[in-house]
Amino acid sequence: MSYADQSTEKQSLDQVPPHQVVSTKRRLAWIVAEFFILKAIVILVPLIVYFDAVVLSNDMKEDSLTEYLHNGLLLVTIGLIAKAAFKLRAARGYLIMGVTFFSCLFIREQDALFDHISKGFWVFPVLVAMIVGTVLVYRNRDTLAGPLLQHFETRSATFIYIGVLLLLVFTRTFGTGTLWEGVLGENYIRTIKSVVQEGLELMSYTLIAYGALTSYFTNFGMGKSRLKWASEGSE
């Protein structure tokens, strides 16, 4: 590189506005912070499962700590998306669809409670939620496709997307009894399968809730972010 080229490059760097330099530093700081947050989550999930299964001697049924956390994380996710649906009219159809989907998952998690009424009774409240949600989404159909695409272009949506894939696909395959019966043979114990499956579900719900939280603070990809570093970065 010639002296003239080096001089030109230095001048171009010197011309970078100070606020952009500060914004870049804040965004890099957030990336580092997020790495440690996610690291803590990944460590915390198996610790919770260990505490639940070993210390509390739970067999991962409906009254276990892990199951309570499933429900709590789902409620947090539903609450964040529902609150955003009230505030973001331009994305209301998409957000109502999200509330409906996660509400159905929450109802499904209460299957043991509904079994006191009748075996498999959870299907009926899920159908009610789906019908009501579908009607509301249809009424706001003009705010469905566009906001969905905008949100799925963000990093926050990736956590929700991966969490849902883990929950609906990986958990059901890797945590199936057939797999662990084949692996353990005569040593198969149902509790092992339950611990693996419930632990994977907890990881999934945690990622979904984290994605919903970061999505809420970035307005689900709609407009200006509530996070200072993100809003500065978009200026």
C-alpha atoms as a PDB file:
ATOM      1  CA  MET A   1       0.000   0.000   0.000  1.00  0.00           C
ATOM      2  CA  SER A   2       1.410   3.404  -0.950  1.00  0.00           C
ATOM      3  CA  TYR A   3       1.833   6.317   1.435  1.00  0.00           C
ATOM      4  CA  ALA A   4      -1.018   8.141  -0.311  1.00  0.00           C
ATOM      5  CA  ASP A   5      -3.376   5.196   0.169  1.00  0.00           C
ATOM      6  CA  GLN A   6      -2.463   4.941   3.867  1.00  0.00           C
ATOM      7  CA  SER A   7      -3.062   8.656   4.301  1.00  0.00           C
ATOM      8  CA  THR A   8      -6.465   8.415   2.603  1.00  0.00           C
ATOM      9  CA  GLU A   9      -7.469   5.451   4.783  1.00  0.00           C
ATOM     10  CA  LYS A  10      -6.426   7.293   7.942  1.00  0.00           C
ATOM     11  CA  GLN A  11      -8.442  10.344   6.914  1.00  0.00           C
ATOM     12  CA  SER A  12     -11.533   8.198   6.272  1.00  0.00           C
ATOM     13  CA  LEU A  13     -11.230   6.656   9.737  1.00  0.00           C
ATOM     14  CA  ASP A  14     -10.800  10.070  11.326  1.00  0.00           C
ATOM     15  CA  GLN A  15     -14.009  11.207   9.626  1.00  0.00           C
ATOM     16  CA  VAL A  16     -16.147   8.563  11.403  1.00  0.00           C
ATOM     17  CA  PRO A  17     -18.647  10.448  13.612  1.00  0.00           C
ATOM     18  CA  PRO A  18     -17.951  10.023  17.362  1.00  0.00           C
ATOM     19  CA  HIS A  19     -21.499   8.801  18.100  1.00  0.00           C
ATOM     20  CA  GLN A  20     -21.024   5.916  15.648  1.00  0.00           C
ATOM     21  CA  VAL A  21     -17.816   4.887  17.434  1.00  0.00           C
ATOM     22  CA  VAL A  22     -19.624   4.927  20.795  1.00  0.00           C
ATOM     23  CA  SER A  23     -22.557   2.991  19.317  1.00  0.00           C
ATOM     24  CA  THR A  24     -20.212   0.323  17.921  1.00  0.00           C
ATOM     25  CA  LYS A  25     -18.513  -0.058  21.305  1.00  0.00           C
ATOM     26  CA  ARG A  26     -21.874  -0.443  23.040  1.00  0.00           C
ATOM     27  CA  ARG A  27     -23.032  -3.031  20.538  1.00  0.00           C
ATOM     28  CA  LEU A  28     -19.816  -5.000  20.967  1.00  0.00           C
ATOM     29  CA  ALA A  29     -20.227  -4.764  24.738  1.00  0.00           C
ATOM     30  CA  TRP A  30     -23.761  -6.142  24.411  1.00  0.00           C
ATOM     31  CA  ILE A  31     -22.543  -9.067  22.306  1.00  0.00           C
ATOM     32  CA  VAL A  32     -20.025  -9.962  25.015  1.00  0.00           C
ATOM     33  CA  ALA A  33     -22.636  -9.527  27.746  1.00  0.00           C
ATOM     34  CA  GLU A  34     -25.139 -11.649  25.848  1.00  0.00           C
ATOM     35  CA  PHE A  35     -22.573 -14.421  25.479  1.00  0.00           C
ATOM     36  CA  PHE A  36     -22.193 -14.621  29.255  1.00  0.00           C
ATOM     37  CA  ILE A  37     -25.963 -14.399  29.768  1.00  0.00           C
ATOM     38  CA  LEU A  38     -26.521 -17.344  27.428  1.00  0.00           C
ATOM     39  CA  LYS A  39     -23.628 -19.210  29.040  1.00  0.00           C
ATOM     40  CA  ALA A  40     -25.283 -18.739  32.423  1.00  0.00           C
ATOM     41  CA  ILE A  41     -28.578 -20.032  31.030  1.00  0.00           C
ATOM     42  CA  VAL A  42     -26.942 -23.134  29.567  1.00  0.00           C
ATOM     43  CA  ILE A  43     -25.257 -23.852  32.915  1.00  0.00           C
ATOM     44  CA  LEU A  44     -28.288 -23.020  35.015  1.00  0.00           C
ATOM     45  CA  VAL A  45     -30.745 -25.339  33.246  1.00  0.00           C
ATOM     46  CA  PRO A  46     -28.954 -28.638  34.087  1.00  0.00           C
ATOM     47  CA  LEU A  47     -28.297 -27.378  37.617  1.00  0.00           C
ATOM     48  CA  ILE A  48     -32.023 -26.801  38.107  1.00  0.00           C
ATOM     49  CA  VAL A  49     -32.833 -30.251  36.731  1.00  0.00           C
ATOM     50  CA  TYR A  50     -30.204 -31.811  39.043  1.00  0.00           C
ATOM     51  CA  PHE A  51     -31.586 -29.948  42.047  1.00  0.00           C
ATOM     52  CA  ASP A  52     -35.123 -31.000  41.140  1.00  0.00           C
ATOM     53  CA  ALA A  53     -34.341 -34.675  40.494  1.00  0.00           C
ATOM     54  CA  VAL A  54     -31.624 -35.340  43.081  1.00  0.00           C
ATOM     55  CA  VAL A  55     -32.023 -32.863  45.925  1.00  0.00           C
ATOM     56  CA  LEU A  56     -35.818 -32.611  45.861  1.00  0.00           C
ATOM     57  CA  SER A  57     -36.194 -36.249  44.692  1.00  0.00           C
ATOM     58  CA  ASN A  58     -38.836 -35.329  42.128  1.00  0.00           C
ATOM     59  CA  ASP A  59     -39.587 -37.667  39.226  1.00  0.00           C
ATOM     60  CA  MET A  60     -40.353 -34.794  36.843  1.00  0.00           C
ATOM     61  CA  LYS A  61     -44.108 -35.023  37.103  1.00  0.00           C
ATOM     62  CA  GLU A  62     -46.519 -32.097  37.066  1.00  0.00           C
ATOM     63  CA  ASP A  63     -45.694 -30.974  40.623  1.00  0.00           C
ATOM     64  CA  SER A  64     -41.937 -30.730  40.036  1.00  0.00           C
ATOM     65  CA  LEU A  65     -39.882 -27.540  40.059  1.00  0.00           C
ATOM     66  CA  THR A  66     -38.985 -28.049  36.408  1.00  0.00           C
ATOM     67  CA  GLU A  67     -42.654 -28.196  35.389  1.00  0.00           C
ATOM     68  CA  TYR A  68     -43.424 -25.059  37.382  1.00  0.00           C
ATOM     69  CA  LEU A  69     -40.614 -23.284  35.545  1.00  0.00           C
ATOM     70  CA  HIS A  70     -42.043 -24.470  32.215  1.00  0.00           C
ATOM     71  CA  ASN A  71     -45.332 -22.799  33.082  1.00  0.00           C
ATOM     72  CA  GLY A  72     -43.681 -19.670  34.436  1.00  0.00           C
ATOM     73  CA  LEU A  73     -41.529 -19.150  31.348  1.00  0.00           C
ATOM     74  CA  LEU A  74     -44.523 -19.690  29.081  1.00  0.00           C
ATOM     75  CA  LEU A  75     -46.528 -17.102  31.021  1.00  0.00           C
ATOM     76  CA  VAL A  76     -43.658 -14.620  30.739  1.00  0.00           C
ATOM     77  CA  THR A  77     -43.526 -15.216  26.978  1.00  0.00           C
ATOM     78  CA  ILE A  78     -47.289 -14.836  26.575  1.00  0.00           C
ATOM     79  CA  GLY A  79     -47.336 -11.698  28.727  1.00  0.00           C
ATOM     80  CA  LEU A  80     -44.557  -9.981  26.776  1.00  0.00           C
ATOM     81  CA  ILE A  81     -46.090 -10.726  23.382  1.00  0.00           C
ATOM     82  CA  ALA A  82     -49.590  -9.761  24.564  1.00  0.00           C
ATOM     83  CA  LYS A  83     -48.330  -6.452  25.965  1.00  0.00           C
ATOM     84  CA  ALA A  84     -46.574  -5.741  22.675  1.00  0.00           C
ATOM     85  CA  ALA A  85     -49.792  -6.564  20.780  1.00  0.00           C
ATOM     86  CA  PHE A  86     -51.573  -3.762  22.638  1.00  0.00           C
ATOM     87  CA  LYS A  87     -48.806  -1.254  21.935  1.00  0.00           C
ATOM     88  CA  LEU A  88     -47.754  -2.164  18.395  1.00  0.00           C
ATOM     89  CA  ARG A  89     -50.877  -1.837  16.270  1.00  0.00           C
ATOM     90  CA  ALA A  90     -48.815  -2.236  13.099  1.00  0.00           C
ATOM     91  CA  ALA A  91     -47.856  -5.781  14.206  1.00  0.00           C
ATOM     92  CA  ARG A  92     -51.011  -6.752  16.070  1.00  0.00           C
ATOM     93  CA  GLY A  93     -52.083  -9.624  13.811  1.00  0.00           C
ATOM     94  CA  TYR A  94     -48.686 -11.310  14.008  1.00  0.00           C
ATOM     95  CA  LEU A  95     -48.410 -10.806  17.769  1.00  0.00           C
ATOM     96  CA  ILE A  96     -51.906 -12.172  18.389  1.00  0.00           C
ATOM     97  CA  MET A  97     -50.862 -15.254  16.442  1.00  0.00           C
ATOM     98  CA  GLY A  98     -47.883 -15.589  18.767  1.00  0.00           C
ATOM     99  CA  VAL A  99     -50.057 -15.221  21.865  1.00  0.00           C
ATOM    100  CA  THR A 100     -52.434 -17.857  20.519  1.00  0.00           C
ATOM    101  CA  PHE A 101     -49.651 -20.326  19.751  1.00  0.00           C
ATOM    102  CA  PHE A 102     -47.959 -20.067  23.140  1.00  0.00           C
ATOM    103  CA  SER A 103     -51.313 -20.039  24.956  1.00  0.00           C
ATOM    104  CA  CYS A 104     -52.089 -23.384  23.330  1.00  0.00           C
ATOM    105  CA  LEU A 105     -48.727 -24.705  24.526  1.00  0.00           C
ATOM    106  CA  PHE A 106     -49.491 -23.459  28.037  1.00  0.00           C
ATOM    107  CA  ILE A 107     -52.878 -25.177  28.057  1.00  0.00           C
ATOM    108  CA  ARG A 108     -51.241 -28.378  26.802  1.00  0.00           C
ATOM    109  CA  GLU A 109     -48.823 -28.215  29.748  1.00  0.00           C
ATOM    110  CA  GLN A 110     -51.839 -28.354  32.082  1.00  0.00           C
ATOM    111  CA  ASP A 111     -52.981 -31.727  30.724  1.00  0.00           C
ATOM    112  CA  ALA A 112     -52.706 -33.417  34.137  1.00  0.00           C
ATOM    113  CA  LEU A 113     -55.010 -30.790  35.625  1.00  0.00           C
ATOM    114  CA  PHE A 114     -57.583 -31.201  32.864  1.00  0.00           C
ATOM    115  CA  ASP A 115     -57.378 -34.992  33.225  1.00  0.00           C
ATOM    116  CA  HIS A 116     -59.288 -34.573  36.513  1.00  0.00           C
ATOM    117  CA  ILE A 117     -62.256 -33.610  34.334  1.00  0.00           C
ATOM    118  CA  SER A 118     -61.712 -36.215  31.638  1.00  0.00           C
ATOM    119  CA  LYS A 119     -58.730 -37.889  29.995  1.00  0.00           C
ATOM    120  CA  GLY A 120     -57.503 -35.684  27.161  1.00  0.00           C
ATOM    121  CA  PHE A 121     -59.899 -32.849  28.059  1.00  0.00           C
ATOM    122  CA  TRP A 122     -57.096 -30.309  27.387  1.00  0.00           C
ATOM    123  CA  VAL A 123     -57.912 -30.594  23.677  1.00  0.00           C
ATOM    124  CA  PHE A 124     -61.162 -28.626  24.106  1.00  0.00           C
ATOM    125  CA  PRO A 125     -59.711 -25.455  25.711  1.00  0.00           C
ATOM    126  CA  VAL A 126     -56.925 -25.584  23.115  1.00  0.00           C
ATOM    127  CA  LEU A 127     -59.549 -25.627  20.360  1.00  0.00           C
ATOM    128  CA  VAL A 128     -61.333 -22.668  21.969  1.00  0.00           C
ATOM    129  CA  ALA A 129     -58.062 -20.725  22.151  1.00  0.00           C
ATOM    130  CA  MET A 130     -57.272 -21.567  18.534  1.00  0.00           C
ATOM    131  CA  ILE A 131     -60.717 -20.461  17.317  1.00  0.00           C
ATOM    132  CA  VAL A 132     -60.645 -17.183  19.255  1.00  0.00           C
ATOM    133  CA  GLY A 133     -57.049 -16.518  18.160  1.00  0.00           C
ATOM    134  CA  THR A 134     -57.817 -17.295  14.528  1.00  0.00           C
ATOM    135  CA  VAL A 135     -60.762 -14.886  14.519  1.00  0.00           C
ATOM    136  CA  LEU A 136     -58.645 -12.102  16.036  1.00  0.00           C
ATOM    137  CA  VAL A 137     -55.778 -12.741  13.641  1.00  0.00           C
ATOM    138  CA  TYR A 138     -58.195 -12.665  10.693  1.00  0.00           C
ATOM    139  CA  ARG A 139     -59.554  -9.311  11.836  1.00  0.00           C
ATOM    140  CA  ASN A 140     -55.973  -8.008  11.929  1.00  0.00           C
ATOM    141  CA  ARG A 141     -54.733  -9.919   8.890  1.00  0.00           C
ATOM    142  CA  ASP A 142     -53.233  -6.778   7.342  1.00  0.00           C
ATOM    143  CA  THR A 143     -50.661  -6.751  10.166  1.00  0.00           C
ATOM    144  CA  LEU A 144     -49.652 -10.407   9.907  1.00  0.00           C
ATOM    145  CA  ALA A 145     -47.237 -11.233   7.073  1.00  0.00           C
ATOM    146  CA  GLY A 146     -45.177  -8.022   6.989  1.00  0.00           C
ATOM    147  CA  PRO A 147     -44.418  -7.868  10.746  1.00  0.00           C
ATOM    148  CA  LEU A 148     -43.691 -11.609  10.779  1.00  0.00           C
ATOM    149  CA  LEU A 149     -41.024 -11.167   8.104  1.00  0.00           C
ATOM    150  CA  GLN A 150     -39.584  -8.095   9.808  1.00  0.00           C
ATOM    151  CA  HIS A 151     -39.344  -9.843  13.163  1.00  0.00           C
ATOM    152  CA  PHE A 152     -37.781 -12.983  11.727  1.00  0.00           C
ATOM    153  CA  GLU A 153     -34.993 -10.879  10.263  1.00  0.00           C
ATOM    154  CA  THR A 154     -33.870  -9.954  13.790  1.00  0.00           C
ATOM    155  CA  ARG A 155     -31.498 -11.858  16.075  1.00  0.00           C
ATOM    156  CA  SER A 156     -34.115 -11.956  18.830  1.00  0.00           C
ATOM    157  CA  ALA A 157     -36.506 -13.962  16.701  1.00  0.00           C
ATOM    158  CA  THR A 158     -33.791 -16.571  16.144  1.00  0.00           C
ATOM    159  CA  PHE A 159     -33.901 -17.533  19.827  1.00  0.00           C
ATOM    160  CA  ILE A 160     -37.660 -18.054  19.647  1.00  0.00           C
ATOM    161  CA  TYR A 161     -37.357 -19.990  16.385  1.00  0.00           C
ATOM    162  CA  ILE A 162     -34.647 -22.304  17.723  1.00  0.00           C
ATOM    163  CA  GLY A 163     -36.480 -22.721  21.018  1.00  0.00           C
ATOM    164  CA  VAL A 164     -39.674 -23.801  19.264  1.00  0.00           C
ATOM    165  CA  LEU A 165     -37.751 -26.249  17.046  1.00  0.00           C
ATOM    166  CA  LEU A 166     -36.066 -27.771  20.096  1.00  0.00           C
ATOM    167  CA  LEU A 167     -39.377 -27.996  21.917  1.00  0.00           C
ATOM    168  CA  LEU A 168     -41.516 -29.495  19.160  1.00  0.00           C
ATOM    169  CA  VAL A 169     -38.941 -31.608  17.318  1.00  0.00           C
ATOM    170  CA  PHE A 170     -35.698 -32.338  19.171  1.00  0.00           C
ATOM    171  CA  THR A 171     -37.304 -32.846  22.583  1.00  0.00           C
ATOM    172  CA  ARG A 172     -39.869 -35.267  21.152  1.00  0.00           C
ATOM    173  CA  THR A 173     -37.237 -37.325  19.325  1.00  0.00           C
ATOM    174  CA  PHE A 174     -34.213 -37.266  21.635  1.00  0.00           C
ATOM    175  CA  GLY A 175     -36.412 -37.556  24.715  1.00  0.00           C
ATOM    176  CA  THR A 176     -38.574 -40.412  23.461  1.00  0.00           C
ATOM    177  CA  GLY A 177     -38.796 -43.610  25.496  1.00  0.00           C
ATOM    178  CA  THR A 178     -38.014 -45.775  22.466  1.00  0.00           C
ATOM    179  CA  LEU A 179     -34.571 -44.194  22.105  1.00  0.00           C
ATOM    180  CA  TRP A 180     -33.618 -44.614  25.747  1.00  0.00           C
ATOM    181  CA  GLU A 181     -35.048 -48.122  25.985  1.00  0.00           C
ATOM    182  CA  GLY A 182     -32.846 -49.094  23.047  1.00  0.00           C
ATOM    183  CA  VAL A 183     -29.762 -47.406  24.542  1.00  0.00           C
ATOM    184  CA  LEU A 184     -30.142 -48.655  28.126  1.00  0.00           C
ATOM    185  CA  GLY A 185     -31.776 -52.012  27.436  1.00  0.00           C
ATOM    186  CA  GLU A 186     -32.453 -53.859  30.697  1.00  0.00           C
ATOM    187  CA  ASN A 187     -31.116 -50.891  32.662  1.00  0.00           C
ATOM    188  CA  TYR A 188     -33.842 -48.598  31.330  1.00  0.00           C
ATOM    189  CA  ILE A 189     -35.506 -46.470  33.981  1.00  0.00           C
ATOM    190  CA  ARG A 190     -38.352 -44.175  32.991  1.00  0.00           C
ATOM    191  CA  THR A 191     -37.028 -41.437  35.267  1.00  0.00           C
ATOM    192  CA  ILE A 192     -33.934 -41.086  33.069  1.00  0.00           C
ATOM    193  CA  LYS A 193     -36.073 -40.493  30.006  1.00  0.00           C
ATOM    194  CA  SER A 194     -38.209 -37.989  31.948  1.00  0.00           C
ATOM    195  CA  VAL A 195     -35.169 -36.071  33.217  1.00  0.00           C
ATOM    196  CA  VAL A 196     -33.738 -35.792  29.690  1.00  0.00           C
ATOM    197  CA  GLN A 197     -37.033 -34.729  28.130  1.00  0.00           C
ATOM    198  CA  GLU A 198     -38.037 -32.246  30.826  1.00  0.00           C
ATOM    199  CA  GLY A 199     -34.537 -30.782  30.867  1.00  0.00           C
ATOM    200  CA  LEU A 200     -34.642 -30.243  27.112  1.00  0.00           C
ATOM    201  CA  GLU A 201     -38.070 -28.642  27.431  1.00  0.00           C
ATOM    202  CA  LEU A 202     -36.761 -26.293  30.113  1.00  0.00           C
ATOM    203  CA  MET A 203     -33.891 -25.278  27.824  1.00  0.00           C
ATOM    204  CA  SER A 204     -36.385 -24.701  25.000  1.00  0.00           C
ATOM    205  CA  TYR A 205     -38.753 -22.588  27.086  1.00  0.00           C
ATOM    206  CA  THR A 206     -35.833 -20.563  28.440  1.00  0.00           C
ATOM    207  CA  LEU A 207     -34.603 -19.736  24.935  1.00  0.00           C
ATOM    208  CA  ILE A 208     -38.142 -18.828  23.870  1.00  0.00           C
ATOM    209  CA  ALA A 209     -38.625 -16.539  26.881  1.00  0.00           C
ATOM    210  CA  TYR A 210     -35.226 -14.938  26.301  1.00  0.00           C
ATOM    211  CA  GLY A 211     -36.120 -14.356  22.655  1.00  0.00           C
ATOM    212  CA  ALA A 212     -39.476 -12.872  23.649  1.00  0.00           C
ATOM    213  CA  LEU A 213     -37.798 -10.562  26.166  1.00  0.00           C
ATOM    214  CA  THR A 214     -35.189  -9.250  23.731  1.00  0.00           C
ATOM    215  CA  SER A 215     -37.861  -9.015  21.020  1.00  0.00           C
ATOM    216  CA  TYR A 216     -40.036  -6.927  23.336  1.00  0.00           C
ATOM    217  CA  PHE A 217     -37.219  -4.462  23.991  1.00  0.00           C
ATOM    218  CA  THR A 218     -36.496  -4.208  20.257  1.00  0.00           C
ATOM    219  CA  ASN A 219     -40.187  -3.800  19.365  1.00  0.00           C
ATOM    220  CA  PHE A 220     -40.285  -7.138  17.536  1.00  0.00           C
ATOM    221  CA  GLY A 221     -38.361  -5.599  14.662  1.00  0.00           C
ATOM    222  CA  MET A 222     -40.914  -2.794  14.259  1.00  0.00           C
ATOM    223  CA  GLY A 223     -39.576   0.740  14.458  1.00  0.00           C
ATOM    224  CA  LYS A 224     -37.170   2.188  17.000  1.00  0.00           C
ATOM    225  CA  SER A 225     -35.690  -0.108  19.620  1.00  0.00           C
ATOM    226  CA  ARG A 226     -36.110   0.468  23.359  1.00  0.00           C
ATOM    227  CA  LEU A 227     -32.471  -0.563  23.771  1.00  0.00           C
ATOM    228  CA  LYS A 228     -30.229   2.484  23.567  1.00  0.00           C
ATOM    229  CA  TRP A 229     -27.374   0.705  21.808  1.00  0.00           C
ATOM    230  CA  ALA A 230     -29.735  -0.705  19.169  1.00  0.00           C
ATOM    231  CA  SER A 231     -31.465   2.599  18.475  1.00  0.00           C
ATOM    232  CA  GLU A 232     -28.144   4.386  18.161  1.00  0.00           C
ATOM    233  CA  GLY A 233     -26.886   1.697  15.827  1.00  0.00           C
ATOM    234  CA  SER A 234     -29.811   2.263  13.477  1.00  0.00           C
ATOM    235  CA  GLU A 235     -29.323   5.990  13.214  1.00  0.00           C
END
